[in-house]
PDB file of all heavy atoms in Angstrom:
ATOM      1  N   ARG A   1     -39.359 197.163 399.366  1.00  0.00           N
ATOM      2  CA  ARG A   1     -38.486 197.215 400.597  1.00  0.00           C
ATOM      3  C   ARG A   1     -37.091 197.012 400.042  1.00  0.00           C
ATOM      4  O   ARG A   1     -36.730 195.966 399.574  1.00  0.00           O
ATOM      5  CB  ARG A   1     -38.851 196.128 401.562  1.00  0.00           C
ATOM      6  CG  ARG A   1     -38.001 196.141 402.766  1.00  0.00           C
ATOM      7  CD  ARG A   1     -38.457 195.097 403.795  1.00  0.00           C
ATOM      8  NE  ARG A   1     -37.420 195.025 404.788  1.00  0.00           N
ATOM      9  CZ  ARG A   1     -37.056 193.865 405.413  1.00  0.00           C
ATOM     10  NH1 ARG A   1     -37.681 192.808 405.103  1.00  0.00           N
ATOM     11  NH2 ARG A   1     -36.114 193.917 406.347  1.00  0.00           N
ATOM     12  N   MET A   2     -36.287 198.069 400.118  1.00  0.00           N
ATOM     13  CA  MET A   2     -34.918 197.978 399.605  1.00  0.00           C
ATOM     14  C   MET A   2     -33.938 197.610 400.744  1.00  0.00           C
ATOM     15  O   MET A   2     -33.995 198.177 401.823  1.00  0.00           O
ATOM     16  CB  MET A   2     -34.523 199.312 398.996  1.00  0.00           C
ATOM     17  CG  MET A   2     -35.502 199.832 397.935  1.00  0.00           C
ATOM     18  SD  MET A   2     -35.548 198.780 396.495  1.00  0.00           S
ATOM     19  CE  MET A   2     -33.908 198.898 395.815  1.00  0.00           C
ATOM     20  N   ILE A   3     -33.068 196.653 400.440  1.00  0.00           N
ATOM     21  CA  ILE A   3     -32.045 196.230 401.363  1.00  0.00           C
ATOM     22  C   ILE A   3     -30.738 196.307 400.637  1.00  0.00           C
ATOM     23  O   ILE A   3     -30.529 195.585 399.682  1.00  0.00           O
ATOM     24  CB  ILE A   3     -32.344 194.841 401.901  1.00  0.00           C
ATOM     25  CG1 ILE A   3     -33.640 194.742 402.632  1.00  0.00           C
ATOM     26  CG2 ILE A   3     -31.181 194.366 402.802  1.00  0.00           C
ATOM     27  CD1 ILE A   3     -34.091 193.374 403.070  1.00  0.00           C
ATOM     28  N   PRO A   4     -29.808 197.217 401.100  1.00  0.00           N
ATOM     29  CA  PRO A   4     -29.974 198.249 402.092  1.00  0.00           C
ATOM     30  C   PRO A   4     -30.970 199.314 401.695  1.00  0.00           C
ATOM     31  O   PRO A   4     -31.275 199.423 400.477  1.00  0.00           O
ATOM     32  CB  PRO A   4     -28.585 198.862 402.228  1.00  0.00           C
ATOM     33  CG  PRO A   4     -27.879 198.548 400.930  1.00  0.00           C
ATOM     34  CD  PRO A   4     -28.496 197.307 400.397  1.00  0.00           C
ATOM     35  N   PRO A   5     -31.493 200.156 402.591  1.00  0.00           N
ATOM     36  CA  PRO A   5     -32.521 201.123 402.255  1.00  0.00           C
ATOM     37  C   PRO A   5     -32.061 202.249 401.401  1.00  0.00           C
ATOM     38  O   PRO A   5     -32.928 202.938 400.817  1.00  0.00           O
ATOM     39  CB  PRO A   5     -33.053 201.587 403.624  1.00  0.00           C
ATOM     40  CG  PRO A   5     -31.939 201.238 404.613  1.00  0.00           C
ATOM     41  CD  PRO A   5     -31.202 200.051 404.032  1.00  0.00           C
ATOM     42  N   HIS A   6     -30.782 202.508 401.347  1.00  0.00           N
ATOM     43  CA  HIS A   6     -30.210 203.556 400.542  1.00  0.00           C
ATOM     44  C   HIS A   6     -29.052 203.042 399.719  1.00  0.00           C
ATOM     45  O   HIS A   6     -28.305 202.190 400.192  1.00  0.00           O
ATOM     46  CB  HIS A   6     -29.710 204.736 401.381  1.00  0.00           C
ATOM     47  CG  HIS A   6     -30.789 205.237 402.339  1.00  0.00           C
ATOM     48  ND1 HIS A   6     -31.839 206.051 401.955  1.00  0.00           N
ATOM     49  CD2 HIS A   6     -30.957 205.107 403.704  1.00  0.00           C
ATOM     50  CE1 HIS A   6     -32.530 206.322 402.925  1.00  0.00           C
ATOM     51  NE2 HIS A   6     -32.088 205.658 404.021  1.00  0.00           N
ATOM     52  N   ILE A   7     -28.883 203.574 398.548  1.00  0.00           N
ATOM     53  CA  ILE A   7     -27.783 203.060 397.700  1.00  0.00           C
ATOM     54  C   ILE A   7     -26.503 203.634 398.300  1.00  0.00           C
ATOM     55  O   ILE A   7     -26.426 204.688 398.770  1.00  0.00           O
ATOM     56  CB  ILE A   7     -28.017 203.526 396.224  1.00  0.00           C
ATOM     57  CG1 ILE A   7     -27.101 202.695 395.333  1.00  0.00           C
ATOM     58  CG2 ILE A   7     -27.829 205.030 396.053  1.00  0.00           C
ATOM     59  CD1 ILE A   7     -27.553 202.638 393.915  1.00  0.00           C
ATOM     60  N   ALA A   8     -25.431 202.766 398.247  1.00  0.00           N
ATOM     61  CA  ALA A   8     -24.148 203.105 398.772  1.00  0.00           C
ATOM     62  C   ALA A   8     -23.603 204.340 398.069  1.00  0.00           C
ATOM     63  O   ALA A   8     -23.702 204.460 396.814  1.00  0.00           O
ATOM     64  CB  ALA A   8     -23.212 201.938 398.702  1.00  0.00           C
ATOM     65  N   GLN A   9     -22.901 205.169 398.821  1.00  0.00           N
ATOM     66  CA  GLN A   9     -22.279 206.360 398.234  1.00  0.00           C
ATOM     67  C   GLN A   9     -21.258 206.004 397.161  1.00  0.00           C
ATOM     68  O   GLN A   9     -20.991 206.746 396.316  1.00  0.00           O
ATOM     69  CB  GLN A   9     -21.589 207.176 399.352  1.00  0.00           C
ATOM     70  CG  GLN A   9     -22.573 207.819 400.295  1.00  0.00           C
ATOM     71  CD  GLN A   9     -23.341 208.991 399.713  1.00  0.00           C
ATOM     72  OE1 GLN A   9     -22.827 209.647 398.820  1.00  0.00           O
ATOM     73  NE2 GLN A   9     -24.462 209.273 400.282  1.00  0.00           N
ATOM     74  N   ASP A  10     -20.575 204.899 397.348  1.00  0.00           N
ATOM     75  CA  ASP A  10     -19.547 204.439 396.461  1.00  0.00           C
ATOM     76  C   ASP A  10     -19.950 203.668 395.237  1.00  0.00           C
ATOM     77  O   ASP A  10     -19.154 203.173 394.446  1.00  0.00           O
ATOM     78  CB  ASP A  10     -18.411 203.716 397.182  1.00  0.00           C
ATOM     79  CG  ASP A  10     -18.907 202.393 397.855  1.00  0.00           C
ATOM     80  OD1 ASP A  10     -20.146 202.161 397.814  1.00  0.00           O
ATOM     81  OD2 ASP A  10     -18.072 201.648 398.264  1.00  0.00           O
ATOM     82  N   CYS A  11     -21.281 203.562 395.036  1.00  0.00           N
ATOM     83  CA  CYS A  11     -21.795 202.863 393.878  1.00  0.00           C
ATOM     84  C   CYS A  11     -21.374 203.621 392.600  1.00  0.00           C
ATOM     85  O   CYS A  11     -21.751 204.790 392.470  1.00  0.00           O
ATOM     86  CB  CYS A  11     -23.324 202.743 393.976  1.00  0.00           C
ATOM     87  SG  CYS A  11     -24.065 201.961 392.489  1.00  0.00           S
ATOM     88  N   GLN A  12     -20.653 202.945 391.779  1.00  0.00           N
ATOM     89  CA  GLN A  12     -20.122 203.555 390.560  1.00  0.00           C
ATOM     90  C   GLN A  12     -21.069 203.516 389.330  1.00  0.00           C
ATOM     91  O   GLN A  12     -20.832 204.167 388.405  1.00  0.00           O
ATOM     92  CB  GLN A  12     -18.780 202.910 390.159  1.00  0.00           C
ATOM     93  CG  GLN A  12     -17.753 203.027 391.228  1.00  0.00           C
ATOM     94  CD  GLN A  12     -17.303 204.471 391.354  1.00  0.00           C
ATOM     95  OE1 GLN A  12     -16.924 205.102 390.370  1.00  0.00           O
ATOM     96  NE2 GLN A  12     -17.246 204.990 392.596  1.00  0.00           N
ATOM     97  N   SER A  13     -22.077 202.591 389.400  1.00  0.00           N
ATOM     98  CA  SER A  13     -22.856 202.358 388.240  1.00  0.00           C
ATOM     99  C   SER A  13     -24.153 203.317 388.165  1.00  0.00           C
ATOM    100  O   SER A  13     -25.017 203.288 388.992  1.00  0.00           O
ATOM    101  CB  SER A  13     -23.435 200.885 388.291  1.00  0.00           C
ATOM    102  OG  SER A  13     -24.409 200.750 387.239  1.00  0.00           O
ATOM    103  N   PRO A  14     -24.149 204.170 387.165  1.00  0.00           N
ATOM    104  CA  PRO A  14     -25.320 205.064 387.005  1.00  0.00           C
ATOM    105  C   PRO A  14     -26.618 204.258 386.671  1.00  0.00           C
ATOM    106  O   PRO A  14     -27.680 204.583 387.134  1.00  0.00           O
ATOM    107  CB  PRO A  14     -24.930 205.942 385.838  1.00  0.00           C
ATOM    108  CG  PRO A  14     -23.870 205.264 385.123  1.00  0.00           C
ATOM    109  CD  PRO A  14     -23.153 204.412 386.133  1.00  0.00           C
ATOM    110  N   GLY A  15     -26.455 203.058 386.041  1.00  0.00           N
ATOM    111  CA  GLY A  15     -27.618 202.207 385.773  1.00  0.00           C
ATOM    112  C   GLY A  15     -28.175 201.673 387.031  1.00  0.00           C
ATOM    113  O   GLY A  15     -29.380 201.641 387.251  1.00  0.00           O
ATOM    114  N   GLU A  16     -27.318 201.223 387.946  1.00  0.00           N
ATOM    115  CA  GLU A  16     -27.817 200.669 389.246  1.00  0.00           C
ATOM    116  C   GLU A  16     -28.496 201.787 390.081  1.00  0.00           C
ATOM    117  O   GLU A  16     -29.499 201.533 390.720  1.00  0.00           O
ATOM    118  CB  GLU A  16     -26.641 200.127 390.041  1.00  0.00           C
ATOM    119  CG  GLU A  16     -26.171 198.801 389.517  1.00  0.00           C
ATOM    120  CD  GLU A  16     -24.952 198.193 390.264  1.00  0.00           C
ATOM    121  OE1 GLU A  16     -25.003 198.245 391.527  1.00  0.00           O
ATOM    122  OE2 GLU A  16     -24.026 197.665 389.619  1.00  0.00           O
ATOM    123  N   LYS A  17     -27.954 202.930 390.054  1.00  0.00           N
ATOM    124  CA  LYS A  17     -28.553 204.101 390.772  1.00  0.00           C
ATOM    125  C   LYS A  17     -29.947 204.416 390.255  1.00  0.00           C
ATOM    126  O   LYS A  17     -30.890 204.575 391.016  1.00  0.00           O
ATOM    127  CB  LYS A  17     -27.648 205.351 390.681  1.00  0.00           C
ATOM    128  CG  LYS A  17     -26.386 205.234 391.414  1.00  0.00           C
ATOM    129  CD  LYS A  17     -25.493 206.467 391.173  1.00  0.00           C
ATOM    130  CE  LYS A  17     -24.155 206.340 391.803  1.00  0.00           C
ATOM    131  NZ  LYS A  17     -23.300 207.485 391.539  1.00  0.00           N
ATOM    132  N   ILE A  18     -30.111 204.449 388.919  1.00  0.00           N
ATOM    133  CA  ILE A  18     -31.425 204.683 388.326  1.00  0.00           C
ATOM    134  C   ILE A  18     -32.381 203.587 388.694  1.00  0.00           C
ATOM    135  O   ILE A  18     -33.550 203.828 389.146  1.00  0.00           O
ATOM    136  CB  ILE A  18     -31.304 204.786 386.823  1.00  0.00           C
ATOM    137  CG1 ILE A  18     -30.630 206.098 386.408  1.00  0.00           C
ATOM    138  CG2 ILE A  18     -32.673 204.722 386.112  1.00  0.00           C
ATOM    139  CD1 ILE A  18     -30.201 206.119 385.000  1.00  0.00           C
ATOM    140  N   LEU A  19     -31.958 202.327 388.567  1.00  0.00           N
ATOM    141  CA  LEU A  19     -32.902 201.207 388.898  1.00  0.00           C
ATOM    142  C   LEU A  19     -33.235 201.115 390.333  1.00  0.00           C
ATOM    143  O   LEU A  19     -34.358 200.782 390.700  1.00  0.00           O
ATOM    144  CB  LEU A  19     -32.285 199.917 388.383  1.00  0.00           C
ATOM    145  CG  LEU A  19     -32.155 199.780 386.857  1.00  0.00           C
ATOM    146  CD1 LEU A  19     -31.445 198.506 386.466  1.00  0.00           C
ATOM    147  CD2 LEU A  19     -33.490 199.927 386.181  1.00  0.00           C
ATOM    148  N   PHE A  20     -32.263 201.425 391.193  1.00  0.00           N
ATOM    149  CA  PHE A  20     -32.565 201.499 392.647  1.00  0.00           C
ATOM    150  C   PHE A  20     -33.694 202.413 392.943  1.00  0.00           C
ATOM    151  O   PHE A  20     -34.691 202.062 393.610  1.00  0.00           O
ATOM    152  CB  PHE A  20     -31.337 201.875 393.392  1.00  0.00           C
ATOM    153  CG  PHE A  20     -31.404 201.696 394.907  1.00  0.00           C
ATOM    154  CD1 PHE A  20     -30.934 200.599 395.532  1.00  0.00           C
ATOM    155  CD2 PHE A  20     -32.024 202.765 395.656  1.00  0.00           C
ATOM    156  CE1 PHE A  20     -30.992 200.474 396.933  1.00  0.00           C
ATOM    157  CE2 PHE A  20     -32.139 202.646 397.042  1.00  0.00           C
ATOM    158  CZ  PHE A  20     -31.610 201.488 397.681  1.00  0.00           C
ATOM    159  N   SER A  21     -33.652 203.595 392.370  1.00  0.00           N
ATOM    160  CA  SER A  21     -34.728 204.616 392.589  1.00  0.00           C
ATOM    161  C   SER A  21     -36.042 204.125 391.976  1.00  0.00           C
ATOM    162  O   SER A  21     -37.121 204.308 392.569  1.00  0.00           O
ATOM    163  CB  SER A  21     -34.336 205.958 391.965  1.00  0.00           C
ATOM    164  OG  SER A  21     -33.233 206.500 392.610  1.00  0.00           O
ATOM    165  N   ARG A  22     -35.969 203.488 390.834  1.00  0.00           N
ATOM    166  CA  ARG A  22     -37.183 203.041 390.191  1.00  0.00           C
ATOM    167  C   ARG A  22     -37.883 201.883 390.997  1.00  0.00           C
ATOM    168  O   ARG A  22     -39.117 201.898 391.130  1.00  0.00           O
ATOM    169  CB  ARG A  22     -36.910 202.608 388.764  1.00  0.00           C
ATOM    170  CG  ARG A  22     -36.604 203.781 387.880  1.00  0.00           C
ATOM    171  CD  ARG A  22     -36.467 203.466 386.463  1.00  0.00           C
ATOM    172  NE  ARG A  22     -37.775 202.886 385.931  1.00  0.00           N
ATOM    173  CZ  ARG A  22     -37.845 202.371 384.743  1.00  0.00           C
ATOM    174  NH1 ARG A  22     -36.834 202.316 383.896  1.00  0.00           N
ATOM    175  NH2 ARG A  22     -39.000 201.855 384.286  1.00  0.00           N
ATOM    176  N   PHE A  23     -37.087 200.994 391.529  1.00  0.00           N
ATOM    177  CA  PHE A  23     -37.642 199.954 392.434  1.00  0.00           C
ATOM    178  C   PHE A  23     -38.302 200.627 393.659  1.00  0.00           C
ATOM    179  O   PHE A  23     -39.382 200.241 394.047  1.00  0.00           O
ATOM    180  CB  PHE A  23     -36.596 198.970 392.922  1.00  0.00           C
ATOM    181  CG  PHE A  23     -36.253 197.907 391.938  1.00  0.00           C
ATOM    182  CD1 PHE A  23     -35.025 197.726 391.373  1.00  0.00           C
ATOM    183  CD2 PHE A  23     -37.266 196.979 391.535  1.00  0.00           C
ATOM    184  CE1 PHE A  23     -34.726 196.690 390.507  1.00  0.00           C
ATOM    185  CE2 PHE A  23     -36.978 195.921 390.653  1.00  0.00           C
ATOM    186  CZ  PHE A  23     -35.697 195.831 390.123  1.00  0.00           C
ATOM    187  N   LYS A  24     -37.603 201.562 394.214  1.00  0.00           N
ATOM    188  CA  LYS A  24     -38.034 202.183 395.480  1.00  0.00           C
ATOM    189  C   LYS A  24     -39.338 202.996 395.250  1.00  0.00           C
ATOM    190  O   LYS A  24     -40.167 203.058 396.155  1.00  0.00           O
ATOM    191  CB  LYS A  24     -36.939 203.062 395.990  1.00  0.00           C
ATOM    192  CG  LYS A  24     -37.105 203.481 397.434  1.00  0.00           C
ATOM    193  CD  LYS A  24     -35.812 204.086 397.904  1.00  0.00           C
ATOM    194  CE  LYS A  24     -35.948 204.424 399.368  1.00  0.00           C
ATOM    195  NZ  LYS A  24     -34.742 204.911 399.969  1.00  0.00           N
ATOM    196  N   GLU A  25     -39.551 203.522 394.039  1.00  0.00           N
ATOM    197  CA  GLU A  25     -40.632 204.494 393.796  1.00  0.00           C
ATOM    198  C   GLU A  25     -41.808 203.871 393.062  1.00  0.00           C
ATOM    199  O   GLU A  25     -42.913 204.449 393.033  1.00  0.00           O
ATOM    200  CB  GLU A  25     -40.099 205.642 392.958  1.00  0.00           C
ATOM    201  CG  GLU A  25     -39.102 206.552 393.768  1.00  0.00           C
ATOM    202  CD  GLU A  25     -38.292 207.524 392.883  1.00  0.00           C
ATOM    203  OE1 GLU A  25     -38.666 207.642 391.692  1.00  0.00           O
ATOM    204  OE2 GLU A  25     -37.402 208.158 393.436  1.00  0.00           O
ATOM    205  N   ASP A  26     -41.661 202.686 392.480  1.00  0.00           N
ATOM    206  CA  ASP A  26     -42.769 202.050 391.703  1.00  0.00           C
ATOM    207  C   ASP A  26     -43.783 201.555 392.690  1.00  0.00           C
ATOM    208  O   ASP A  26     -43.521 200.642 393.475  1.00  0.00           O
ATOM    209  CB  ASP A  26     -42.180 200.925 390.856  1.00  0.00           C
ATOM    210  CG  ASP A  26     -43.236 200.317 389.895  1.00  0.00           C
ATOM    211  OD1 ASP A  26     -44.453 200.375 390.186  1.00  0.00           O
ATOM    212  OD2 ASP A  26     -42.780 199.735 388.914  1.00  0.00           O
ATOM    213  N   PRO A  27     -45.048 202.029 392.599  1.00  0.00           N
ATOM    214  CA  PRO A  27     -46.064 201.636 393.560  1.00  0.00           C
ATOM    215  C   PRO A  27     -46.428 200.111 393.372  1.00  0.00           C
ATOM    216  O   PRO A  27     -46.937 199.474 394.325  1.00  0.00           O
ATOM    217  CB  PRO A  27     -47.292 202.496 393.232  1.00  0.00           C
ATOM    218  CG  PRO A  27     -47.050 203.085 391.900  1.00  0.00           C
ATOM    219  CD  PRO A  27     -45.496 203.099 391.749  1.00  0.00           C
ATOM    220  N   ASP A  28     -46.167 199.563 392.185  1.00  0.00           N
ATOM    221  CA  ASP A  28     -46.541 198.121 391.974  1.00  0.00           C
ATOM    222  C   ASP A  28     -45.467 197.215 392.518  1.00  0.00           C
ATOM    223  O   ASP A  28     -45.573 195.991 392.347  1.00  0.00           O
ATOM    224  CB  ASP A  28     -46.729 197.887 390.483  1.00  0.00           C
ATOM    225  CG  ASP A  28     -47.986 198.598 390.005  1.00  0.00           C
ATOM    226  OD1 ASP A  28     -48.981 198.715 390.836  1.00  0.00           O
ATOM    227  OD2 ASP A  28     -48.031 198.994 388.832  1.00  0.00           O
ATOM    228  N   THR A  29     -44.470 197.690 393.194  1.00  0.00           N
ATOM    229  CA  THR A  29     -43.515 196.805 393.878  1.00  0.00           C
ATOM    230  C   THR A  29     -43.625 196.851 395.355  1.00  0.00           C
ATOM    231  O   THR A  29     -42.740 196.379 396.125  1.00  0.00           O
ATOM    232  CB  THR A  29     -42.020 197.309 393.507  1.00  0.00           C
ATOM    233  OG1 THR A  29     -41.827 198.600 394.066  1.00  0.00           O
ATOM    234  CG2 THR A  29     -41.740 197.337 392.047  1.00  0.00           C
ATOM    235  N   LYS A  30     -44.803 197.317 395.859  1.00  0.00           N
ATOM    236  CA  LYS A  30     -44.961 197.530 397.271  1.00  0.00           C
ATOM    237  C   LYS A  30     -44.769 196.281 398.173  1.00  0.00           C
ATOM    238  O   LYS A  30     -44.412 196.403 399.317  1.00  0.00           O
ATOM    239  CB  LYS A  30     -46.311 198.095 397.576  1.00  0.00           C
ATOM    240  CG  LYS A  30     -47.445 197.274 397.273  1.00  0.00           C
ATOM    241  CD  LYS A  30     -48.817 197.959 397.621  1.00  0.00           C
ATOM    242  CE  LYS A  30     -49.920 196.981 397.223  1.00  0.00           C
ATOM    243  NZ  LYS A  30     -51.204 197.489 397.511  1.00  0.00           N
ATOM    244  N   ASP A  31     -45.046 195.085 397.636  1.00  0.00           N
ATOM    245  CA  ASP A  31     -44.865 193.828 398.435  1.00  0.00           C
ATOM    246  C   ASP A  31     -43.506 193.195 398.149  1.00  0.00           C
ATOM    247  O   ASP A  31     -43.288 192.128 398.657  1.00  0.00           O
ATOM    248  CB  ASP A  31     -46.020 192.911 398.152  1.00  0.00           C
ATOM    249  CG  ASP A  31     -47.372 193.450 398.554  1.00  0.00           C
ATOM    250  OD1 ASP A  31     -47.377 194.175 399.572  1.00  0.00           O
ATOM    251  OD2 ASP A  31     -48.363 193.068 397.937  1.00  0.00           O
ATOM    252  N   TRP A  32     -42.719 193.806 397.369  1.00  0.00           N
ATOM    253  CA  TRP A  32     -41.451 193.189 396.925  1.00  0.00           C
ATOM    254  C   TRP A  32     -40.329 193.477 397.874  1.00  0.00           C
ATOM    255  O   TRP A  32     -40.319 194.536 398.556  1.00  0.00           O
ATOM    256  CB  TRP A  32     -41.033 193.660 395.542  1.00  0.00           C
ATOM    257  CG  TRP A  32     -41.986 193.392 394.458  1.00  0.00           C
ATOM    258  CD1 TRP A  32     -43.286 192.936 394.511  1.00  0.00           C
ATOM    259  CD2 TRP A  32     -41.729 193.546 393.039  1.00  0.00           C
ATOM    260  NE1 TRP A  32     -43.810 192.789 393.287  1.00  0.00           N
ATOM    261  CE2 TRP A  32     -42.867 193.146 392.309  1.00  0.00           C
ATOM    262  CE3 TRP A  32     -40.607 193.991 392.345  1.00  0.00           C
ATOM    263  CZ2 TRP A  32     -42.995 193.183 390.938  1.00  0.00           C
ATOM    264  CZ3 TRP A  32     -40.672 194.001 390.975  1.00  0.00           C
ATOM    265  CH2 TRP A  32     -41.829 193.613 390.233  1.00  0.00           C
ATOM    266  N   VAL A  33     -39.314 192.648 397.911  1.00  0.00           N
ATOM    267  CA  VAL A  33     -38.061 192.906 398.603  1.00  0.00           C
ATOM    268  C   VAL A  33     -36.993 192.886 397.558  1.00  0.00           C
ATOM    269  O   VAL A  33     -36.923 191.955 396.763  1.00  0.00           O
ATOM    270  CB  VAL A  33     -37.792 191.830 399.680  1.00  0.00           C
ATOM    271  CG1 VAL A  33     -36.432 192.083 400.353  1.00  0.00           C
ATOM    272  CG2 VAL A  33     -38.921 191.784 400.743  1.00  0.00           C
TER     273      VAL A  33
END
């Protein structure tokens, strides 16, 4: 569960963008916030 649910348009960090997607898509994080 990502808070906020979408990464901000003004996020400048490519690393944060990649990790945001990985957290959101990893099935083993299903109970995580």
